[in-house]
C-alpha cells in the first residue's frame, strides 16, 4: 500500500464581513467553516457547480477529474 499524502495547513485571511458571511453559510449547511472552504475550493478546481452534501463526495469528484478514481 502506498503512503497517504500528508495534509498541509494553510492560513487564509478574510475581512470581518466576508468571514461572517462564510461562517453563516457554513452553519446553514451544517458544516464546519474549514470544511466549507475546503469543499468550495475543490468545487472550484473540478468545475462542479452544485455543492456536494459531504466533503468526501466532493473529494471523490476531484479525484475523478484527475483520473485518480
Protein backbone atom coordinates (compact mmCIF):
# COMPACT_ATOMS: atom_id res chain seq x y z
CA UNK A 1 0.00 0.00 0.00
CA UNK A 2 1.24 3.50 -0.78
CA UNK A 3 1.82 6.20 1.73
CA UNK A 4 -1.03 8.62 2.19
CA UNK A 5 -0.05 12.22 1.35
CA UNK A 6 0.23 14.47 4.37
CA UNK A 7 -2.20 17.34 4.75
CA UNK A 8 -0.65 20.80 4.82
CA UNK A 9 -2.15 23.59 6.94
CA UNK A 10 -2.90 26.83 5.10
CA UNK A 11 -3.64 30.26 6.54
CA UNK A 12 -6.14 32.45 4.71
CA UNK A 13 -7.11 35.97 5.75
CA UNK A 14 -10.62 37.36 5.29
CA UNK A 15 -12.05 40.73 6.15
CA UNK A 16 -14.56 40.55 9.02
CA UNK A 17 -17.64 40.98 6.82
CA UNK A 18 -16.67 38.17 4.45
CA UNK A 19 -15.72 35.91 7.35
CA UNK A 20 -19.15 36.44 8.88
CA UNK A 21 -20.83 35.53 5.57
CA UNK A 22 -18.69 32.39 5.28
CA UNK A 23 -19.42 31.33 8.87
CA UNK A 24 -23.16 31.86 8.39
CA UNK A 25 -23.24 29.83 5.17
CA UNK A 26 -21.19 27.00 6.68
CA UNK A 27 -23.51 26.93 9.69
CA UNK A 28 -26.59 26.95 7.44
CA UNK A 29 -25.19 23.89 5.63
CA UNK A 30 -24.29 22.16 8.90
CA UNK A 31 -20.56 22.17 8.13
CA UNK A 32 -17.50 23.49 9.88
CA UNK A 33 -16.02 26.64 8.37
CA UNK A 34 -12.86 24.80 7.34
CA UNK A 35 -14.85 22.04 5.62
CA UNK A 36 -16.99 24.60 3.80
CA UNK A 37 -13.92 26.44 2.50
CA UNK A 38 -12.21 23.16 1.55
CA UNK A 39 -15.31 21.88 -0.29
CA UNK A 40 -15.74 25.19 -2.09
CA UNK A 41 -12.11 25.12 -3.19
CA UNK A 42 -12.41 21.60 -4.55
CA UNK A 43 -15.64 22.56 -6.35
CA UNK A 44 -13.83 25.44 -7.99
CA UNK A 45 -10.99 23.15 -9.09
CA UNK A 46 -13.29 20.48 -10.52
CA UNK A 47 -15.75 22.87 -12.12
CA UNK A 48 -18.64 21.28 -10.23
CA UNK A 49 -21.30 23.93 -9.78
CA UNK A 50 -23.52 22.09 -7.32
CA UNK A 51 -22.04 21.59 -3.85
CA UNK A 52 -21.87 18.01 -2.61
CA UNK A 53 -23.57 17.13 0.64
CA UNK A 54 -20.38 15.77 2.16
CA UNK A 55 -16.72 16.64 1.70
CA UNK A 56 -15.88 13.04 0.78
CA UNK A 57 -18.23 13.24 -2.22
CA UNK A 58 -16.54 16.43 -3.39
CA UNK A 59 -13.16 14.82 -2.84
CA UNK A 60 -14.21 11.85 -4.95
CA UNK A 61 -15.29 14.20 -7.74
CA UNK A 62 -11.92 15.92 -7.58
CA UNK A 63 -10.07 12.62 -7.73
CA UNK A 64 -12.20 11.50 -10.70
CA UNK A 65 -11.43 14.75 -12.52
CA UNK A 66 -7.74 13.98 -12.12
CA UNK A 67 -8.17 10.42 -13.36
CA UNK A 68 -7.36 9.00 -9.96
CA UNK A 69 -10.66 7.14 -9.44
